[in-house]
Amino acid sequence: MAELVLKVHPNDNVIVALKDLQKGQTITYNGEAYVLQDDVKAKHKFFTTDLQPGDEIIMYGVLVGKAQYFIPRGAVMTTENTKHAAEPYKYRPYQYQWTPPDVSKFKNRTFNGYHRKDGRVGTANYWLFMPTVFCENRNLDVIKEALHNELGYAVSDKYKRYTHQLVEAYKKGENIAELDLSPAHTTSPNERVFKNIDGIKFLNHQGGCGGTRQDATILGKLLAAYADHPNVAGVTILSLGCQNLQTSQLLEEIKLRNPSFDKPLLVYEQQQSQSEEQLISDAIKDTFVHLIEANKIERQPAPLSALTVGVKCGGSDGFSGISANPAVGYTSDLLVALGAKVLLAEFPELCGAEQQLIDRTIDEEKAKKFIHLMSAYNRQAEAVGSGFHMNPSPGNIKDGLITDAIKSAGAAKKGGTSPVVDVLDYTEPATKPGLNLVCTPGNDVEATTGKAAAGATLILFTTGLGTPTGNPVCPTIKIATNNVLTKRMSDIIDINCGPVVEGEKTIEEMGEDILEFCIKVASGEVIPKAVLLNQDDFIPWKRGVSL
């Protein structure tokens, strides 16, 4: 029978409800009986001791908040009785000891990826369109509609057919409200023209001009990172001509990032073209010619050490730090033990976990870089009246994440337990095998955008509430924390960690299942839901205050 509650760490003075509990109910855990003073919904917590104003609240073994007034034993944690608190952090000499997990069953495994000339291996083969400025977004939209429909990458075709059927029914005078039609049954996906091209992707954005020159510089570095991404076969660039981010600057950023860059780069500047029609038709025709060549690249076996996996959580709930995040953390440890790279980002969601990560960082210089990035980021937020403590969303709070420190302690579980080998600022590439910390906001799309820029070739995205987020160049695997979400939003969820909550699977078993799924996705054997739905979200971070 599934347990009703869970105490995450022996030092915690809160217990998590795994099922809805009733006021007056007696809960026994590890031989201790607790009489509940309130209803406690699943994912929420109740206190194991009486607390006085200012007393520390511990979860995951760390400080996550302080009592605001007297709280009796058995009372539910709320935003009124608990406020965010986290331990200060600093660099200190620390000899971190790590015991890698047993990877014998994965040691000789491979995935079938796209081998690039510089030695990196992609998990997909995309052609990328990018504008140097937002003025070219409309032209990209026109090209996207043309190429996606004709080359077999569109997912909107069934909705077009669905709308067409509604229009025809309307013309016939039928009652639209009572019409029994479903988009799912209107059409099947178009057959792809190029079997080895996994997608044509478009990086529409709102930058490149009108902001600060620093914004344009950061955007240039971000676009260069995407052009250089191992999942990208070639790039078509559209420029207006007069914008802050000049094409020459973008090309320079690409060469700075990778001096041996040799992918096809097609550049079109509208202010130098004879007409918009010529610009668009030339871009389509020339890209088509290069797609023929890119399609000749085929998947070949590669060791699992060639993977770079970003770990992310979004739409988090009270089960995130109990099921999906620890399971992904075990996958992270397996990957690190196999020689792969793992990227842990979302710096506002590492608040309260800083000291643990600092102590795990093997290089003093890198540890101090992490401290600098974290403290500078938080100061910037505080300067405008915000702060990391304001990170939890209404949905997070409603589903049990009362303070940012609770959310962060659970979020950090995605990084597993391995040593931190490097700390990267936004757009810096990951080059060292092992766990890398990447400075990004917690914002789902800004974070996934930043992970791909650091070189992630797969993203493991955990969610408790559900979120339709993906990335243009990095296949994103959605992992649910609970059974209810998996059933309700099955069209966007790839893996269910609900069996962990129900006591049907261990964290380790779930972590191995996730790695098996990663291998299939990296080999093109399974297409994640986010990719099938063209959830190609891309938001550059301007380095302003974004949590």
Protein backbone atom coordinates (compact mmCIF):
# COMPACT_ATOMS: atom_id res chain seq x y z
CA MET A 1 0.00 0.00 0.00
CA ALA A 2 1.29 3.48 -0.89
CA GLU A 3 2.51 5.61 2.02
CA LEU A 4 0.46 8.62 3.09
CA VAL A 5 3.40 10.85 4.04
CA LEU A 6 7.15 11.22 3.62
CA LYS A 7 9.90 12.84 5.65
CA VAL A 8 12.52 13.75 3.07
CA HIS A 9 15.55 14.15 5.38
CA PRO A 10 16.08 12.94 8.96
CA ASN A 11 16.75 16.50 10.17
CA ASP A 12 13.52 17.93 8.71
CA ASN A 13 10.86 19.34 11.00
CA VAL A 14 8.19 19.07 8.30
CA ILE A 15 6.52 16.04 6.70
CA VAL A 16 5.12 15.94 3.15
CA ALA A 17 1.60 14.66 2.48
CA LEU A 18 1.53 12.20 -0.41
CA LYS A 19 -2.27 12.01 -0.26
CA ASP A 20 -4.95 14.46 0.88
CA LEU A 21 -5.14 14.35 4.70
CA GLN A 22 -7.94 15.55 6.96
CA LYS A 23 -7.96 17.80 10.03
CA GLY A 24 -8.02 15.66 13.18
CA GLN A 25 -6.51 12.68 11.41
CA THR A 26 -3.72 10.89 13.28
CA ILE A 27 -0.68 10.21 11.10
CA THR A 28 1.97 7.79 12.29
CA TYR A 29 5.43 7.99 10.75
CA ASN A 30 8.51 6.12 11.99
CA GLY A 31 6.72 5.31 15.24
CA GLU A 32 5.74 8.95 15.92
CA ALA A 33 2.08 10.01 15.95
CA TYR A 34 0.90 13.41 14.71
CA VAL A 35 -2.62 14.82 15.06
CA LEU A 36 -3.32 17.16 12.16
CA GLN A 37 -4.50 20.64 13.10
CA ASP A 38 -5.61 21.44 9.54
CA ASP A 39 -6.51 19.77 6.28
CA VAL A 40 -3.27 19.00 4.45
CA LYS A 41 -3.55 18.57 0.70
CA ALA A 42 -1.23 16.23 -1.17
CA LYS A 43 2.15 17.90 -1.88
CA HIS A 44 1.83 20.21 1.14
CA LYS A 45 3.64 19.91 4.50
CA PHE A 46 2.78 19.82 8.17
CA PHE A 47 5.06 20.59 11.12
CA THR A 48 6.47 17.88 13.40
CA THR A 49 7.07 20.17 16.39
CA ASP A 50 5.67 23.32 17.97
CA LEU A 51 7.47 26.36 16.55
CA GLN A 52 7.95 29.80 18.07
CA PRO A 53 8.27 33.03 16.06
CA GLY A 54 11.67 33.05 14.32
CA ASP A 55 12.28 29.30 14.67
CA GLU A 56 14.00 27.67 11.72
CA ILE A 57 12.08 25.44 9.33
CA ILE A 58 14.14 22.63 7.85
CA MET A 59 13.41 20.58 4.72
CA TYR A 60 15.77 18.52 2.57
CA GLY A 61 18.07 18.92 5.57
CA VAL A 62 18.55 22.67 4.94
CA LEU A 63 17.02 25.93 6.13
CA VAL A 64 14.02 26.79 3.94
CA GLY A 65 12.10 29.29 6.07
CA LYS A 66 11.30 30.75 9.47
CA ALA A 67 8.11 30.67 11.55
CA GLN A 68 6.23 33.97 11.60
CA TYR A 69 4.24 33.23 14.73
CA PHE A 70 3.53 30.30 17.03
CA ILE A 71 2.79 27.19 14.95
CA PRO A 72 1.48 24.07 16.70
CA ARG A 73 2.69 20.57 15.89
CA GLY A 74 0.53 19.08 13.12
CA ALA A 75 -0.34 22.45 11.52
CA VAL A 76 -0.08 22.89 7.76
CA MET A 77 2.66 25.09 6.27
CA THR A 78 1.29 28.25 4.59
CA THR A 79 2.58 31.49 3.14
CA GLU A 80 1.25 33.22 6.28
CA ASN A 81 3.07 31.15 8.91
CA THR A 82 6.27 30.55 6.92
CA LYS A 83 8.57 33.03 5.18
CA HIS A 84 11.61 32.32 3.03
CA ALA A 85 14.99 32.00 4.72
CA ALA A 86 18.28 30.50 3.53
CA GLU A 87 21.72 30.01 5.00
CA PRO A 88 24.48 32.43 3.94
CA TYR A 89 27.19 30.90 1.79
CA LYS A 90 30.91 31.36 1.21
CA TYR A 91 33.90 29.59 -0.22
CA ARG A 92 35.63 27.22 2.18
CA PRO A 93 38.26 24.55 1.51
CA TYR A 94 36.32 21.31 1.34
CA GLN A 95 37.29 17.83 0.20
CA TYR A 96 34.15 16.54 -1.44
CA GLN A 97 33.95 12.77 -1.72
CA TRP A 98 31.74 11.21 -4.39
CA THR A 99 30.94 7.58 -5.00
CA PRO A 100 29.74 7.16 -8.61
CA PRO A 101 26.77 4.87 -9.23
CA ASP A 102 27.19 1.49 -10.85
CA VAL A 103 27.10 2.05 -14.62
CA SER A 104 28.06 -1.46 -15.73
CA LYS A 105 24.80 -1.96 -17.67
CA PHE A 106 25.41 1.25 -19.64
CA LYS A 107 29.21 1.14 -19.99
CA ASN A 108 29.33 -0.21 -23.55
CA ARG A 109 26.08 1.35 -24.77
CA THR A 110 25.98 3.78 -27.69
CA PHE A 111 23.49 6.09 -29.36
CA ASN A 112 23.14 6.84 -33.06
CA GLY A 113 23.92 10.50 -33.57
CA TYR A 114 25.10 12.96 -36.20
CA HIS A 115 28.90 13.25 -36.13
CA ARG A 116 30.26 16.73 -36.85
CA LYS A 117 33.73 17.40 -38.23
CA ASP A 118 34.91 18.97 -34.95
CA GLY A 119 34.23 15.71 -33.07
CA ARG A 120 30.97 16.65 -31.41
CA VAL A 121 27.88 14.51 -31.92
CA GLY A 122 24.35 15.81 -32.40
CA THR A 123 21.19 14.05 -31.32
CA ALA A 124 19.30 15.70 -34.21
CA ASN A 125 20.03 17.29 -37.57
CA TYR A 126 18.32 20.66 -37.95
CA TRP A 127 18.57 23.51 -40.43
CA LEU A 128 18.36 26.86 -38.66
CA PHE A 129 16.92 30.22 -39.77
CA MET A 130 17.86 33.23 -37.63
CA PRO A 131 17.23 36.97 -37.97
CA THR A 132 19.78 39.51 -36.79
CA VAL A 133 16.88 41.80 -35.89
CA PHE A 134 13.17 41.55 -35.08
CA CYS A 135 12.33 43.41 -38.32
CA GLU A 136 12.92 40.14 -40.20
CA ASN A 137 10.52 38.04 -38.10
CA ARG A 138 7.68 38.40 -40.61
CA ASN A 139 9.90 37.20 -43.45
CA LEU A 140 10.87 34.22 -41.33
CA ASP A 141 7.19 33.48 -40.73
CA VAL A 142 6.51 33.47 -44.47
CA ILE A 143 9.45 31.14 -45.11
CA LYS A 144 8.43 28.90 -42.22
CA GLU A 145 4.92 28.44 -43.55
CA ALA A 146 6.25 27.60 -47.01
CA LEU A 147 8.96 25.17 -45.94
CA HIS A 148 7.11 23.49 -43.07
CA ASN A 149 4.09 22.70 -45.20
CA GLU A 150 5.93 21.49 -48.29
CA LEU A 151 8.77 19.61 -46.57
CA GLY A 152 6.54 17.78 -44.08
CA TYR A 153 7.39 19.49 -40.78
CA ALA A 154 4.11 21.31 -40.12
CA VAL A 155 1.93 20.30 -37.16
CA SER A 156 -0.77 22.88 -37.91
CA ASP A 157 -2.08 21.10 -41.01
CA LYS A 158 -4.68 19.12 -39.04
CA TYR A 159 -6.00 22.35 -37.53
CA LYS A 160 -6.22 23.92 -40.99
CA ARG A 161 -8.23 20.95 -42.20
CA TYR A 162 -10.33 21.12 -39.03
CA THR A 163 -11.06 24.81 -39.62
CA HIS A 164 -11.82 24.09 -43.27
CA GLN A 165 -14.41 21.50 -42.23
CA LEU A 166 -15.99 24.04 -39.85
CA VAL A 167 -16.16 26.61 -42.64
CA GLU A 168 -17.79 24.11 -45.01
CA ALA A 169 -20.31 23.11 -42.35
CA TYR A 170 -21.09 26.78 -41.70
CA LYS A 171 -21.69 27.38 -45.40
CA LYS A 172 -24.12 24.44 -45.42
CA GLY A 173 -26.03 25.96 -42.48
CA GLU A 174 -25.12 23.21 -40.01
CA ASN A 175 -25.12 23.80 -36.24
CA ILE A 176 -21.41 24.27 -35.52
CA ALA A 177 -21.84 23.90 -31.74
CA GLU A 178 -23.26 20.41 -32.16
CA LEU A 179 -20.86 19.30 -34.88
CA ASP A 180 -18.93 16.15 -33.92
CA LEU A 181 -15.48 16.87 -35.35
CA SER A 182 -11.99 16.35 -33.94
CA PRO A 183 -8.69 17.78 -35.25
CA ALA A 184 -7.00 14.46 -34.47
CA HIS A 185 -8.99 12.71 -37.19
CA THR A 186 -8.78 15.27 -39.98
CA THR A 187 -5.42 14.41 -41.52
CA SER A 188 -2.16 12.53 -41.08
CA PRO A 189 1.27 14.25 -40.97
CA ASN A 190 2.85 15.01 -44.34
CA GLU A 191 5.65 12.71 -45.38
CA ARG A 192 9.06 14.34 -44.99
CA VAL A 193 11.03 15.11 -48.13
CA PHE A 194 14.40 14.86 -46.36
CA LYS A 195 14.56 11.80 -44.09
CA ASN A 196 17.83 12.87 -42.40
CA ILE A 197 16.72 16.45 -41.68
CA ASP A 198 14.86 16.38 -38.36
CA GLY A 199 13.43 19.86 -38.71
CA ILE A 200 13.69 23.40 -40.10
CA LYS A 201 13.85 25.73 -37.11
CA PHE A 202 13.28 29.48 -36.80
CA LEU A 203 14.69 31.71 -34.03
CA ASN A 204 12.21 34.61 -34.04
CA HIS A 205 13.10 37.15 -31.34
CA GLN A 206 12.49 40.78 -30.32
CA GLY A 207 16.10 41.97 -30.25
CA GLY A 208 18.93 43.16 -32.48
CA CYS A 209 18.10 46.86 -32.38
CA GLY A 210 16.36 49.50 -30.30
CA GLY A 211 17.80 48.28 -27.00
CA THR A 212 21.25 48.79 -25.59
CA ARG A 213 24.37 47.82 -27.52
CA GLN A 214 25.07 45.34 -24.70
CA ASP A 215 21.75 43.62 -25.52
CA ALA A 216 22.81 43.31 -29.16
CA THR A 217 26.18 41.91 -28.14
CA ILE A 218 24.63 39.26 -25.92
CA LEU A 219 22.14 38.37 -28.66
CA GLY A 220 25.03 37.98 -31.10
CA LYS A 221 26.76 35.55 -28.75
CA LEU A 222 23.52 33.61 -28.27
CA LEU A 223 22.81 33.30 -31.99
CA ALA A 224 26.43 32.28 -32.58
CA ALA A 225 26.03 29.53 -29.97
CA TYR A 226 22.96 28.21 -31.79
CA ALA A 227 24.70 28.33 -35.17
CA ASP A 228 27.58 26.33 -33.68
CA HIS A 229 25.28 23.83 -31.94
CA PRO A 230 26.07 20.17 -32.74
CA ASN A 231 22.40 19.56 -33.59
CA VAL A 232 22.56 22.19 -36.37
CA ALA A 233 23.66 21.28 -39.92
CA GLY A 234 23.57 24.76 -41.40
CA VAL A 235 22.20 28.28 -40.99
CA THR A 236 20.27 30.84 -43.04
CA ILE A 237 20.63 34.40 -41.70
CA LEU A 238 18.22 37.22 -42.53
CA SER A 239 19.34 40.78 -41.85
CA LEU A 240 17.70 44.15 -42.44
CA GLY A 241 21.00 46.03 -42.69
CA CYS A 242 20.82 49.05 -40.38
CA GLN A 243 20.33 47.26 -37.04
CA ASN A 244 22.63 47.29 -34.00
CA LEU A 245 23.55 43.62 -34.40
CA GLN A 246 25.36 43.78 -37.72
CA THR A 247 25.82 40.60 -39.73
CA SER A 248 29.58 41.08 -39.60
CA GLN A 249 29.42 41.11 -35.77
CA LEU A 250 27.39 37.89 -35.73
CA LEU A 251 29.83 36.17 -38.10
CA GLU A 252 32.70 37.34 -35.91
CA GLU A 253 31.02 35.91 -32.81
CA ILE A 254 30.62 32.55 -34.60
CA LYS A 255 34.33 32.44 -35.44
CA LEU A 256 35.28 33.48 -31.91
CA ARG A 257 33.21 30.65 -30.49
CA ASN A 258 34.53 28.08 -32.97
CA PRO A 259 37.53 29.11 -35.12
CA SER A 260 37.12 25.93 -37.18
CA PHE A 261 33.42 26.54 -37.89
CA ASP A 262 32.69 25.12 -41.35
CA LYS A 263 28.91 24.71 -41.61
CA PRO A 264 27.03 26.35 -44.49
CA LEU A 265 26.11 29.97 -43.67
CA LEU A 266 23.67 31.70 -46.02
CA VAL A 267 23.30 35.46 -45.45
CA TYR A 268 20.60 37.74 -46.92
CA GLU A 269 20.35 41.49 -46.27
CA GLN A 270 17.01 43.03 -47.17
CA GLN A 271 18.23 46.59 -47.69
CA GLN A 272 20.61 45.28 -50.37
CA SER A 273 18.03 43.13 -52.15
CA GLN A 274 15.94 44.13 -55.17
CA SER A 275 12.67 43.25 -53.43
CA GLU A 276 11.22 41.34 -50.54
CA GLU A 277 10.07 38.68 -52.99
CA GLN A 278 13.64 38.21 -54.23
CA LEU A 279 14.98 38.00 -50.67
CA ILE A 280 12.49 35.31 -49.66
CA SER A 281 12.65 33.28 -52.88
CA ASP A 282 16.48 33.32 -52.89
CA ALA A 283 16.60 32.27 -49.23
CA ILE A 284 14.20 29.39 -49.88
CA LYS A 285 15.93 28.17 -53.05
CA ASP A 286 19.49 28.37 -51.71
CA THR A 287 18.48 26.72 -48.45
CA PHE A 288 16.78 23.93 -50.37
CA VAL A 289 20.01 23.25 -52.29
CA HIS A 290 21.96 22.97 -49.03
CA LEU A 291 19.27 20.79 -47.45
CA ILE A 292 19.93 18.26 -50.20
CA GLU A 293 23.56 18.07 -49.05
CA ALA A 294 22.74 18.11 -45.33
CA ASN A 295 20.34 15.23 -45.89
CA LYS A 296 23.28 13.05 -46.91
CA ILE A 297 24.51 12.99 -43.29
CA GLU A 298 23.34 9.83 -41.53
CA ARG A 299 23.28 8.72 -37.91
CA GLN A 300 26.28 6.73 -36.70
CA PRO A 301 27.05 5.08 -33.32
CA ALA A 302 28.60 7.27 -30.63
CA PRO A 303 29.51 6.63 -26.97
CA LEU A 304 27.19 7.98 -24.27
CA SER A 305 30.07 10.24 -23.21
CA ALA A 306 29.27 12.35 -26.30
CA LEU A 307 25.94 13.44 -24.78
CA THR A 308 25.40 16.86 -23.19
CA VAL A 309 22.20 16.85 -21.14
CA GLY A 310 20.55 19.92 -19.64
CA VAL A 311 18.29 19.40 -16.61
CA LYS A 312 15.37 21.76 -16.03
CA CYS A 313 12.16 21.99 -14.00
CA GLY A 314 9.13 24.13 -14.74
CA GLY A 315 5.55 24.23 -13.51
CA SER A 316 6.99 22.65 -10.35
CA ASP A 317 4.90 21.20 -7.55
CA GLY A 318 5.36 19.72 -4.10
CA PHE A 319 6.35 16.37 -5.61
CA SER A 320 9.07 17.79 -7.89
CA GLY A 321 11.81 17.48 -5.27
CA ILE A 322 10.56 14.03 -4.21
CA SER A 323 10.03 12.13 -7.47
CA ALA A 324 11.05 13.60 -10.84
CA ASN A 325 13.95 15.84 -9.78
CA PRO A 326 15.78 13.19 -7.70
CA ALA A 327 15.18 10.64 -10.48
CA VAL A 328 16.70 13.02 -13.03
CA GLY A 329 19.48 13.63 -10.51
CA TYR A 330 20.28 9.92 -10.52
CA THR A 331 20.29 10.02 -14.34
CA SER A 332 22.71 12.95 -14.08
CA ASP A 333 25.04 10.91 -11.87
CA LEU A 334 24.90 7.99 -14.32
CA LEU A 335 25.77 10.33 -17.20
CA VAL A 336 28.66 11.93 -15.32
CA ALA A 337 30.01 8.49 -14.39
CA LEU A 338 29.86 7.61 -18.11
CA GLY A 339 31.90 10.69 -19.07
CA ALA A 340 29.04 12.85 -20.40
CA LYS A 341 28.29 16.51 -19.63
CA VAL A 342 25.33 17.59 -17.47
CA LEU A 343 24.13 21.21 -17.28
CA LEU A 344 22.33 22.55 -14.18
CA ALA A 345 21.10 26.13 -14.56
CA GLU A 346 18.27 28.34 -13.17
CA PHE A 347 20.39 30.30 -10.67
CA PRO A 348 17.37 31.87 -8.85
CA GLU A 349 16.29 28.28 -8.13
CA LEU A 350 19.56 27.37 -6.45
CA CYS A 351 18.85 29.80 -3.60
CA GLY A 352 19.54 27.96 -0.34
CA ALA A 353 21.50 25.20 -2.09
CA GLU A 354 24.52 27.40 -2.78
CA GLN A 355 26.78 26.08 0.00
CA GLN A 356 26.28 22.48 -1.05
CA LEU A 357 27.17 23.33 -4.64
CA ILE A 358 30.16 25.43 -3.59
CA ASP A 359 31.47 22.56 -1.46
CA ARG A 360 31.06 20.23 -4.45
CA THR A 361 33.01 22.53 -6.82
CA ILE A 362 36.46 21.04 -7.34
CA ASP A 363 38.19 24.26 -8.43
CA GLU A 364 38.39 27.30 -6.11
CA GLU A 365 38.31 29.77 -9.00
CA LYS A 366 35.12 28.20 -10.34
CA ALA A 367 33.53 28.17 -6.89
CA LYS A 368 34.22 31.88 -6.51
CA LYS A 369 32.84 32.51 -10.00
CA PHE A 370 29.59 30.83 -8.93
CA ILE A 371 29.46 32.99 -5.77
CA HIS A 372 30.03 36.13 -7.85
CA LEU A 373 27.34 35.27 -10.41
CA MET A 374 24.79 34.34 -7.74
CA SER A 375 25.36 37.38 -5.53
CA ALA A 376 25.48 39.84 -8.45
CA TYR A 377 22.27 38.38 -9.87
CA ASN A 378 20.43 38.63 -6.53
CA ARG A 379 21.68 42.19 -5.91
CA GLN A 380 20.33 43.18 -9.31
CA ALA A 381 16.93 41.73 -8.41
CA GLU A 382 16.90 43.42 -5.01
CA ALA A 383 17.81 46.76 -6.59
CA VAL A 384 14.40 46.84 -8.29
CA GLY A 385 12.48 45.71 -5.22
CA SER A 386 12.51 42.00 -5.97
CA GLY A 387 14.80 39.11 -5.02
CA PHE A 388 15.20 35.36 -5.34
CA HIS A 389 12.69 34.91 -2.51
CA MET A 390 9.96 36.12 -4.89
CA ASN A 391 10.62 33.34 -7.42
CA PRO A 392 7.78 30.87 -6.62
CA SER A 393 4.77 31.41 -8.87
CA PRO A 394 1.14 31.24 -7.66
CA GLY A 395 0.96 27.75 -9.17
CA ASN A 396 4.10 26.65 -7.29
CA ILE A 397 2.68 27.91 -3.99
CA LYS A 398 -0.76 26.39 -4.58
CA ASP A 399 0.87 23.00 -5.07
CA GLY A 400 3.10 23.05 -2.01
CA LEU A 401 6.22 25.13 -2.77
CA ILE A 402 5.72 27.76 -0.09
CA THR A 403 9.19 29.39 -0.16
CA ASP A 404 11.89 29.79 -2.78
CA ALA A 405 14.30 27.82 -0.60
CA ILE A 406 11.91 24.83 -0.65
CA LYS A 407 11.55 25.14 -4.40
CA SER A 408 15.31 25.55 -4.85
CA ALA A 409 16.33 22.68 -2.59
CA GLY A 410 14.07 20.41 -4.60
CA ALA A 411 15.19 21.90 -7.92
CA ALA A 412 18.87 21.34 -7.14
CA LYS A 413 18.17 17.61 -6.87
CA LYS A 414 18.23 17.48 -10.69
CA GLY A 415 22.00 17.93 -10.57
CA GLY A 416 22.55 14.70 -8.67
CA THR A 417 25.49 14.38 -6.30
CA SER A 418 28.58 14.50 -8.53
CA PRO A 419 31.32 17.16 -8.21
CA VAL A 420 30.88 20.47 -10.05
CA VAL A 421 33.58 20.67 -12.73
CA ASP A 422 32.79 24.08 -14.24
CA VAL A 423 30.72 27.25 -13.83
CA LEU A 424 29.54 28.98 -17.01
CA ASP A 425 28.13 32.44 -17.56
CA TYR A 426 25.27 32.87 -20.03
CA THR A 427 26.21 31.66 -23.59
CA GLU A 428 29.56 30.19 -22.48
CA PRO A 429 30.03 26.67 -23.94
CA ALA A 430 30.36 23.56 -21.79
CA THR A 431 33.70 21.88 -22.56
CA LYS A 432 34.37 19.72 -19.50
CA PRO A 433 32.79 16.30 -18.90
CA GLY A 434 30.85 16.27 -15.64
CA LEU A 435 28.37 18.55 -13.87
CA ASN A 436 28.42 22.17 -15.10
CA LEU A 437 26.54 25.09 -13.53
CA VAL A 438 25.10 27.47 -16.14
CA CYS A 439 23.92 30.98 -15.25
CA THR A 440 20.36 31.47 -16.55
CA PRO A 441 17.07 32.75 -15.13
CA GLY A 442 14.57 30.29 -13.71
CA ASN A 443 12.09 31.36 -16.41
CA ASP A 444 11.36 28.16 -18.34
CA VAL A 445 12.09 29.39 -21.85
CA GLU A 446 14.98 31.70 -20.97
CA ALA A 447 16.57 28.79 -19.10
CA THR A 448 16.13 26.21 -21.88
CA THR A 449 17.35 28.81 -24.39
CA GLY A 450 20.49 29.25 -22.27
CA LYS A 451 21.08 25.51 -21.81
CA ALA A 452 21.04 24.96 -25.56
CA ALA A 453 23.48 27.85 -25.94
CA ALA A 454 25.83 26.08 -23.54
CA GLY A 455 25.68 23.02 -25.78
CA ALA A 456 22.89 20.79 -24.42
CA THR A 457 21.94 18.19 -27.02
CA LEU A 458 19.06 16.88 -24.89
CA ILE A 459 17.03 18.56 -22.14
CA LEU A 460 15.29 16.68 -19.32
CA PHE A 461 12.41 18.90 -18.23
CA THR A 462 10.50 17.91 -15.09
CA THR A 463 7.06 19.34 -14.35
CA GLY A 464 4.38 18.87 -11.71
CA LEU A 465 1.75 21.18 -13.15
CA GLY A 466 2.45 20.74 -16.87
CA THR A 467 4.02 23.19 -19.31
CA PRO A 468 4.16 23.13 -23.14
CA THR A 469 7.79 24.22 -23.41
CA GLY A 470 10.46 23.02 -25.79
CA ASN A 471 13.51 24.29 -27.66
CA PRO A 472 14.20 24.78 -31.38
CA VAL A 473 17.50 22.85 -31.57
CA CYS A 474 17.53 20.67 -28.45
CA PRO A 475 15.00 17.80 -28.09
CA THR A 476 13.20 18.35 -24.79
CA ILE A 477 11.91 15.37 -22.79
CA LYS A 478 8.98 16.12 -20.45
CA ILE A 479 8.94 14.23 -17.17
CA ALA A 480 5.85 14.37 -14.92
CA THR A 481 6.14 14.24 -11.13
CA ASN A 482 2.79 12.52 -10.60
CA ASN A 483 0.16 10.22 -12.12
CA VAL A 484 -2.63 12.82 -12.21
CA LEU A 485 -0.66 15.18 -14.46
CA THR A 486 0.42 12.33 -16.73
CA LYS A 487 -3.19 11.32 -17.33
CA ARG A 488 -4.49 14.86 -17.71
CA MET A 489 -1.78 16.11 -20.10
CA SER A 490 -0.64 12.90 -21.75
CA ASP A 491 -0.18 14.70 -25.06
CA ILE A 492 2.86 16.61 -23.72
CA ILE A 493 4.32 14.16 -21.17
CA ASP A 494 6.99 11.61 -22.14
CA ILE A 495 7.88 9.97 -18.81
CA ASN A 496 5.86 9.54 -15.61
CA CYS A 497 7.60 9.57 -12.21
CA GLY A 498 4.32 9.02 -10.40
CA PRO A 499 5.37 5.43 -9.55
CA VAL A 500 8.02 6.92 -7.24
CA VAL A 501 5.34 8.78 -5.26
CA GLU A 502 3.20 5.64 -5.14
CA GLY A 503 6.11 3.53 -3.87
CA GLU A 504 6.11 1.35 -6.98
CA LYS A 505 9.59 2.34 -8.16
CA THR A 506 12.76 3.58 -6.52
CA ILE A 507 14.58 6.77 -7.49
CA GLU A 508 17.39 4.63 -8.90
CA GLU A 509 15.07 2.51 -11.04
CA MET A 510 13.36 5.61 -12.37
CA GLY A 511 16.70 7.26 -13.10
CA GLU A 512 17.81 4.27 -15.17
CA ASP A 513 14.51 4.32 -17.06
CA ILE A 514 15.07 7.98 -17.90
CA LEU A 515 18.56 7.25 -19.23
CA GLU A 516 17.18 4.46 -21.41
CA PHE A 517 14.65 6.92 -22.82
CA CYS A 518 17.45 9.47 -23.44
CA ILE A 519 19.37 6.92 -25.50
CA LYS A 520 16.31 6.25 -27.67
CA VAL A 521 15.66 9.97 -28.20
CA ALA A 522 19.33 10.67 -28.95
CA SER A 523 19.21 7.92 -31.56
CA GLY A 524 16.05 9.22 -33.23
CA GLU A 525 14.12 6.09 -32.27
CA VAL A 526 11.66 8.05 -30.12
CA ILE A 527 10.54 11.62 -30.83
CA PRO A 528 9.64 13.59 -27.65
CA LYS A 529 6.20 15.17 -27.48
CA ALA A 530 7.66 18.70 -27.43
CA VAL A 531 9.38 18.00 -30.76
CA LEU A 532 6.30 16.40 -32.31
CA LEU A 533 4.26 19.46 -31.34
CA ASN A 534 6.90 21.93 -32.63
CA GLN A 535 7.22 23.53 -29.20
CA ASP A 536 10.18 25.60 -30.38
CA ASP A 537 10.34 28.26 -27.67
CA PHE A 538 13.23 30.73 -27.84
CA ILE A 539 13.62 33.79 -25.57
CA PRO A 540 17.01 35.54 -25.30
CA TRP A 541 17.91 36.83 -21.84
CA LYS A 542 18.79 40.52 -21.92
CA ARG A 543 20.49 40.16 -18.52
CA GLY A 544 17.80 42.28 -16.95
CA VAL A 545 15.92 41.11 -13.85
CA SER A 546 14.23 37.84 -14.74
CA LEU A 547 13.51 35.17 -12.13
